[in-house]
């Protein structure tokens, strides 16, 4: 994510994080997973991820594991667990349903707001 040096995001600004990907090989590639960290100074906006023919998964443990919203949990202060929400996401992953042709490119996006 890039913000112009003379631009300061306010807490009401919404940013679009764009991930561009290319199959630079000469072969069709399948089982594609595109993963992007959520920058530490922003928080993911719920239900904002989009990508070409993909399932979107999230991580709350710095990319070690991924799941759908509602499946993710975090330790609770009492020793139990509680459900994670969009503000807890550390990574976004797009799992493409179709192969990516040689030389093909794509774009995946999500929205975020400053913390």
N, C-alpha and C. Protein backbone atom coordinates (compact mmCIF):
# COMPACT_ATOMS: atom_id res chain seq x y z
N UNK A 1 0.86 -1.16 0.00
CA UNK A 1 0.00 0.00 0.00
C UNK A 1 0.90 1.22 0.00
N UNK A 2 0.56 2.18 -0.86
CA UNK A 2 1.34 3.40 -0.90
C UNK A 2 0.43 4.61 -0.70
N UNK A 3 0.87 5.52 0.11
CA UNK A 3 0.19 6.79 0.30
C UNK A 3 1.22 7.86 -0.04
N UNK A 4 0.82 8.85 -0.81
CA UNK A 4 1.74 9.92 -1.19
C UNK A 4 2.35 10.54 0.06
N UNK A 5 3.63 10.92 -0.04
CA UNK A 5 4.35 11.42 1.12
C UNK A 5 3.70 12.65 1.73
N UNK A 6 3.03 13.47 0.92
CA UNK A 6 2.42 14.68 1.45
C UNK A 6 0.95 14.47 1.82
N UNK A 7 0.52 13.22 1.86
CA UNK A 7 -0.86 12.90 2.20
C UNK A 7 -0.92 12.26 3.58
N UNK A 8 -1.82 12.75 4.41
CA UNK A 8 -2.01 12.17 5.74
C UNK A 8 -3.44 11.63 5.79
N UNK A 9 -3.58 10.35 6.09
CA UNK A 9 -4.91 9.75 6.18
C UNK A 9 -5.52 10.11 7.53
N UNK A 10 -6.76 10.56 7.49
CA UNK A 10 -7.45 10.83 8.75
C UNK A 10 -8.21 9.57 9.15
N UNK A 11 -8.70 9.54 10.38
CA UNK A 11 -9.41 8.36 10.87
C UNK A 11 -10.70 8.09 10.10
N UNK A 12 -11.20 9.07 9.35
CA UNK A 12 -12.42 8.86 8.58
C UNK A 12 -12.14 8.40 7.15
N UNK A 13 -10.88 8.41 6.74
CA UNK A 13 -10.52 8.00 5.38
C UNK A 13 -10.60 6.49 5.24
N UNK A 14 -11.06 6.06 4.08
CA UNK A 14 -11.06 4.63 3.77
C UNK A 14 -10.04 4.41 2.67
N UNK A 15 -9.17 3.44 2.86
CA UNK A 15 -8.12 3.12 1.91
C UNK A 15 -8.47 1.86 1.15
N UNK A 16 -7.99 1.75 -0.08
CA UNK A 16 -8.16 0.52 -0.84
C UNK A 16 -6.78 -0.11 -1.00
N UNK A 17 -6.63 -1.31 -0.47
CA UNK A 17 -5.38 -2.06 -0.60
C UNK A 17 -5.55 -2.96 -1.82
N UNK A 18 -4.67 -2.79 -2.81
CA UNK A 18 -4.76 -3.52 -4.07
C UNK A 18 -3.56 -4.44 -4.21
N UNK A 19 -3.83 -5.70 -4.53
CA UNK A 19 -2.78 -6.69 -4.75
C UNK A 19 -2.86 -7.12 -6.22
N UNK A 20 -1.80 -6.86 -6.97
CA UNK A 20 -1.74 -7.29 -8.37
C UNK A 20 -0.89 -8.54 -8.44
N UNK A 21 -1.35 -9.52 -9.22
CA UNK A 21 -0.57 -10.75 -9.35
C UNK A 21 -0.52 -11.17 -10.81
N UNK A 22 0.58 -11.85 -11.17
CA UNK A 22 0.83 -12.29 -12.54
C UNK A 22 1.41 -13.68 -12.53
N UNK A 23 0.95 -14.53 -13.43
CA UNK A 23 1.57 -15.84 -13.64
C UNK A 23 2.69 -15.60 -14.65
N UNK A 24 3.91 -15.48 -14.17
CA UNK A 24 5.05 -15.17 -15.03
C UNK A 24 5.66 -16.42 -15.65
N UNK A 25 5.06 -17.58 -15.42
CA UNK A 25 5.59 -18.81 -16.01
C UNK A 25 4.99 -19.02 -17.41
N UNK A 26 5.48 -20.03 -18.09
CA UNK A 26 4.96 -20.40 -19.41
C UNK A 26 3.85 -21.44 -19.31
N UNK A 27 3.47 -21.80 -18.10
CA UNK A 27 2.49 -22.85 -17.89
C UNK A 27 1.25 -22.33 -17.16
N UNK A 28 0.15 -23.03 -17.35
CA UNK A 28 -1.06 -22.77 -16.57
C UNK A 28 -0.78 -23.23 -15.14
N UNK A 29 -1.18 -22.43 -14.17
CA UNK A 29 -0.94 -22.76 -12.77
C UNK A 29 -2.30 -22.87 -12.07
N UNK A 30 -2.45 -23.92 -11.26
CA UNK A 30 -3.69 -24.04 -10.50
C UNK A 30 -3.37 -24.05 -9.01
N UNK A 31 -4.40 -24.14 -8.21
CA UNK A 31 -4.27 -24.08 -6.74
C UNK A 31 -3.58 -22.78 -6.31
N UNK A 32 -4.05 -21.67 -6.86
CA UNK A 32 -3.45 -20.37 -6.57
C UNK A 32 -4.00 -19.80 -5.27
N UNK A 33 -3.09 -19.35 -4.42
CA UNK A 33 -3.44 -18.64 -3.19
C UNK A 33 -2.67 -17.33 -3.18
N UNK A 34 -3.38 -16.24 -3.06
CA UNK A 34 -2.78 -14.91 -2.98
C UNK A 34 -2.99 -14.43 -1.55
N UNK A 35 -1.91 -14.08 -0.87
CA UNK A 35 -2.01 -13.67 0.53
C UNK A 35 -1.41 -12.28 0.71
N UNK A 36 -2.12 -11.43 1.43
CA UNK A 36 -1.64 -10.09 1.72
C UNK A 36 -1.78 -9.80 3.21
N UNK A 37 -0.72 -9.27 3.82
CA UNK A 37 -0.89 -8.82 5.20
C UNK A 37 -1.78 -7.58 5.24
N UNK A 38 -2.49 -7.40 6.33
CA UNK A 38 -3.20 -6.15 6.58
C UNK A 38 -2.17 -5.25 7.28
N UNK A 39 -1.82 -4.12 6.67
CA UNK A 39 -0.81 -3.26 7.30
C UNK A 39 -1.18 -2.94 8.75
N UNK A 40 -0.18 -2.89 9.61
CA UNK A 40 -0.41 -2.73 11.05
C UNK A 40 -1.12 -1.43 11.41
N UNK A 41 -0.98 -0.40 10.58
CA UNK A 41 -1.57 0.89 10.91
C UNK A 41 -3.00 1.07 10.40
N UNK A 42 -3.56 0.00 9.82
CA UNK A 42 -4.96 0.05 9.36
C UNK A 42 -5.70 -1.18 9.85
N UNK A 43 -7.02 -1.12 9.75
CA UNK A 43 -7.83 -2.28 10.09
C UNK A 43 -8.73 -2.60 8.90
N UNK A 44 -8.89 -3.88 8.64
CA UNK A 44 -9.70 -4.39 7.54
C UNK A 44 -11.16 -3.98 7.74
N UNK A 45 -11.83 -3.60 6.64
CA UNK A 45 -13.26 -3.28 6.68
C UNK A 45 -14.03 -4.55 6.35
N UNK A 46 -14.92 -4.96 7.24
CA UNK A 46 -15.67 -6.21 7.08
C UNK A 46 -16.35 -6.31 5.72
N UNK A 47 -16.28 -7.49 5.14
CA UNK A 47 -16.93 -7.84 3.87
C UNK A 47 -16.48 -6.98 2.70
N UNK A 48 -15.24 -6.49 2.73
CA UNK A 48 -14.78 -5.60 1.66
C UNK A 48 -13.83 -6.26 0.67
N UNK A 49 -13.38 -7.48 0.93
CA UNK A 49 -12.41 -8.12 0.04
C UNK A 49 -13.10 -8.59 -1.24
N UNK A 50 -12.43 -8.38 -2.36
CA UNK A 50 -12.93 -8.86 -3.64
C UNK A 50 -11.76 -9.36 -4.47
N UNK A 51 -12.03 -10.35 -5.28
CA UNK A 51 -11.00 -10.92 -6.15
C UNK A 51 -11.66 -11.77 -7.20
N UNK A 52 -10.94 -12.09 -8.26
CA UNK A 52 -11.53 -12.81 -9.39
C UNK A 52 -11.82 -14.27 -9.08
N UNK A 53 -13.09 -14.64 -9.03
CA UNK A 53 -13.47 -16.04 -8.84
C UNK A 53 -12.74 -16.71 -7.70
N UNK A 54 -12.86 -16.14 -6.52
CA UNK A 54 -12.07 -16.66 -5.40
C UNK A 54 -12.89 -16.76 -4.13
N UNK A 55 -12.39 -17.59 -3.23
CA UNK A 55 -12.89 -17.63 -1.86
C UNK A 55 -11.93 -16.79 -1.03
N UNK A 56 -12.47 -15.97 -0.15
CA UNK A 56 -11.63 -15.11 0.68
C UNK A 56 -11.58 -15.68 2.09
N UNK A 57 -10.35 -15.86 2.59
CA UNK A 57 -10.11 -16.35 3.94
C UNK A 57 -9.30 -15.32 4.71
N UNK A 58 -9.29 -15.45 6.02
CA UNK A 58 -8.62 -14.47 6.87
C UNK A 58 -7.77 -15.18 7.93
N UNK A 59 -6.78 -14.44 8.43
CA UNK A 59 -5.94 -14.94 9.51
C UNK A 59 -5.97 -13.93 10.65
N UNK A 60 -5.93 -14.44 11.87
CA UNK A 60 -5.81 -13.59 13.06
C UNK A 60 -4.53 -13.92 13.82
N UNK A 61 -3.68 -14.77 13.21
CA UNK A 61 -2.45 -15.20 13.87
C UNK A 61 -1.22 -14.98 12.98
N UNK A 62 -1.21 -13.82 12.33
CA UNK A 62 -0.07 -13.43 11.49
C UNK A 62 0.20 -14.38 10.33
N UNK A 63 -0.86 -14.94 9.78
CA UNK A 63 -0.74 -15.77 8.58
C UNK A 63 -0.42 -17.23 8.81
N UNK A 64 -0.44 -17.69 10.06
CA UNK A 64 -0.15 -19.11 10.31
C UNK A 64 -1.32 -19.99 9.90
N UNK A 65 -2.56 -19.56 10.22
CA UNK A 65 -3.75 -20.32 9.85
C UNK A 65 -4.78 -19.37 9.24
N UNK A 66 -5.68 -19.93 8.44
CA UNK A 66 -6.70 -19.13 7.76
C UNK A 66 -8.06 -19.78 7.92
N UNK A 67 -9.09 -18.96 7.92
CA UNK A 67 -10.45 -19.47 8.00
C UNK A 67 -11.44 -18.42 7.53
N UNK A 68 -12.69 -18.82 7.48
CA UNK A 68 -13.77 -17.90 7.11
C UNK A 68 -14.17 -17.08 8.34
N UNK A 69 -14.77 -15.91 8.09
CA UNK A 69 -15.30 -15.16 9.23
C UNK A 69 -16.27 -16.06 10.00
N UNK A 70 -16.28 -15.97 11.28
CA UNK A 70 -17.13 -16.83 12.10
C UNK A 70 -16.44 -18.10 12.54
N UNK A 71 -15.38 -18.50 11.84
CA UNK A 71 -14.61 -19.69 12.23
C UNK A 71 -13.39 -19.30 13.07
N UNK A 72 -13.02 -18.05 13.03
CA UNK A 72 -11.78 -17.60 13.67
C UNK A 72 -12.01 -17.22 15.12
N UNK A 73 -11.09 -17.65 15.98
CA UNK A 73 -11.19 -17.34 17.40
C UNK A 73 -9.86 -16.81 17.92
N UNK A 74 -9.95 -16.14 19.04
CA UNK A 74 -8.77 -15.62 19.74
C UNK A 74 -8.87 -15.99 21.21
N UNK A 75 -7.74 -16.09 21.90
CA UNK A 75 -7.78 -16.38 23.33
C UNK A 75 -8.49 -15.25 24.09
N UNK A 76 -9.30 -15.62 25.05
CA UNK A 76 -9.99 -14.65 25.91
C UNK A 76 -9.21 -14.49 27.20
N UNK A 77 -9.35 -13.35 27.87
CA UNK A 77 -8.62 -13.12 29.13
C UNK A 77 -8.90 -14.18 30.19
N UNK A 78 -10.09 -14.80 30.16
CA UNK A 78 -10.44 -15.80 31.18
C UNK A 78 -9.89 -17.19 30.86
N UNK A 79 -9.09 -17.30 29.79
CA UNK A 79 -8.53 -18.59 29.42
C UNK A 79 -9.31 -19.31 28.35
N UNK A 80 -10.50 -18.85 28.05
CA UNK A 80 -11.31 -19.46 26.98
C UNK A 80 -10.96 -18.84 25.64
N UNK A 81 -11.91 -18.86 24.74
CA UNK A 81 -11.74 -18.23 23.44
C UNK A 81 -12.97 -17.39 23.12
N UNK A 82 -12.78 -16.43 22.23
CA UNK A 82 -13.91 -15.63 21.75
C UNK A 82 -13.77 -15.47 20.25
N UNK A 83 -14.88 -15.20 19.60
CA UNK A 83 -14.88 -15.03 18.15
C UNK A 83 -14.11 -13.78 17.74
N UNK A 84 -13.34 -13.92 16.67
CA UNK A 84 -12.60 -12.78 16.13
C UNK A 84 -13.52 -11.96 15.24
N UNK A 85 -13.20 -10.68 15.12
CA UNK A 85 -13.95 -9.87 14.16
C UNK A 85 -12.97 -9.21 13.19
N UNK A 86 -13.50 -8.45 12.24
CA UNK A 86 -12.68 -7.90 11.16
C UNK A 86 -11.50 -7.08 11.67
N UNK A 87 -11.64 -6.42 12.79
CA UNK A 87 -10.54 -5.60 13.32
C UNK A 87 -9.37 -6.46 13.80
N UNK A 88 -9.59 -7.76 13.97
CA UNK A 88 -8.53 -8.67 14.42
C UNK A 88 -7.73 -9.27 13.26
N UNK A 89 -8.19 -9.11 12.03
CA UNK A 89 -7.54 -9.78 10.89
C UNK A 89 -6.14 -9.23 10.67
N UNK A 90 -5.19 -10.15 10.50
CA UNK A 90 -3.80 -9.77 10.21
C UNK A 90 -3.43 -10.03 8.76
N UNK A 91 -4.15 -10.93 8.09
CA UNK A 91 -3.88 -11.28 6.69
C UNK A 91 -5.19 -11.60 5.98
N UNK A 92 -5.19 -11.34 4.67
CA UNK A 92 -6.30 -11.70 3.79
C UNK A 92 -5.74 -12.65 2.74
N UNK A 93 -6.47 -13.72 2.46
CA UNK A 93 -6.04 -14.70 1.44
C UNK A 93 -7.18 -14.93 0.46
N UNK A 94 -6.84 -14.89 -0.83
CA UNK A 94 -7.78 -15.22 -1.90
C UNK A 94 -7.36 -16.57 -2.46
N UNK A 95 -8.27 -17.54 -2.47
CA UNK A 95 -8.02 -18.86 -3.05
C UNK A 95 -8.79 -18.89 -4.37
N UNK A 96 -8.06 -18.87 -5.48
CA UNK A 96 -8.69 -18.82 -6.80
C UNK A 96 -9.30 -20.17 -7.14
N UNK A 97 -10.51 -20.14 -7.69
CA UNK A 97 -11.22 -21.37 -8.05
C UNK A 97 -10.76 -21.94 -9.38
N UNK A 98 -10.23 -21.11 -10.26
CA UNK A 98 -9.84 -21.56 -11.60
C UNK A 98 -8.33 -21.42 -11.78
N UNK A 99 -7.76 -22.19 -12.70
CA UNK A 99 -6.33 -22.05 -12.99
C UNK A 99 -6.04 -20.65 -13.55
N UNK A 100 -4.78 -20.26 -13.45
CA UNK A 100 -4.33 -18.97 -13.98
C UNK A 100 -3.45 -19.25 -15.19
N UNK A 101 -3.89 -18.77 -16.35
CA UNK A 101 -3.16 -19.02 -17.59
C UNK A 101 -1.79 -18.37 -17.56
N UNK A 102 -0.87 -18.89 -18.37
CA UNK A 102 0.46 -18.31 -18.51
C UNK A 102 0.33 -16.85 -18.91
N UNK A 103 1.03 -15.97 -18.22
CA UNK A 103 1.01 -14.55 -18.54
C UNK A 103 -0.20 -13.80 -18.02
N UNK A 104 -1.17 -14.50 -17.46
CA UNK A 104 -2.39 -13.84 -16.98
C UNK A 104 -2.10 -13.02 -15.73
N UNK A 105 -2.86 -11.96 -15.57
CA UNK A 105 -2.74 -11.11 -14.39
C UNK A 105 -4.10 -10.98 -13.72
N UNK A 106 -4.10 -10.56 -12.49
CA UNK A 106 -5.34 -10.34 -11.77
C UNK A 106 -5.14 -9.31 -10.68
N UNK A 107 -6.24 -8.87 -10.13
CA UNK A 107 -6.22 -7.89 -9.05
C UNK A 107 -7.16 -8.36 -7.94
N UNK A 108 -6.69 -8.27 -6.72
CA UNK A 108 -7.51 -8.54 -5.54
C UNK A 108 -7.44 -7.29 -4.67
N UNK A 109 -8.54 -7.01 -3.98
CA UNK A 109 -8.59 -5.77 -3.19
C UNK A 109 -9.31 -5.98 -1.87
N UNK A 110 -8.99 -5.08 -0.93
CA UNK A 110 -9.81 -4.95 0.26
C UNK A 110 -9.74 -3.51 0.74
N UNK A 111 -10.73 -3.11 1.49
CA UNK A 111 -10.76 -1.76 2.05
C UNK A 111 -10.27 -1.81 3.49
N UNK A 112 -9.70 -0.69 3.93
CA UNK A 112 -9.19 -0.59 5.29
C UNK A 112 -9.35 0.85 5.77
N UNK A 113 -9.37 1.00 7.07
CA UNK A 113 -9.42 2.33 7.68
C UNK A 113 -8.27 2.45 8.67
N UNK A 114 -7.74 3.67 8.87
CA UNK A 114 -6.66 3.84 9.84
C UNK A 114 -7.09 3.43 11.24
N UNK A 115 -6.14 2.86 11.99
CA UNK A 115 -6.42 2.48 13.38
C UNK A 115 -6.40 3.70 14.26
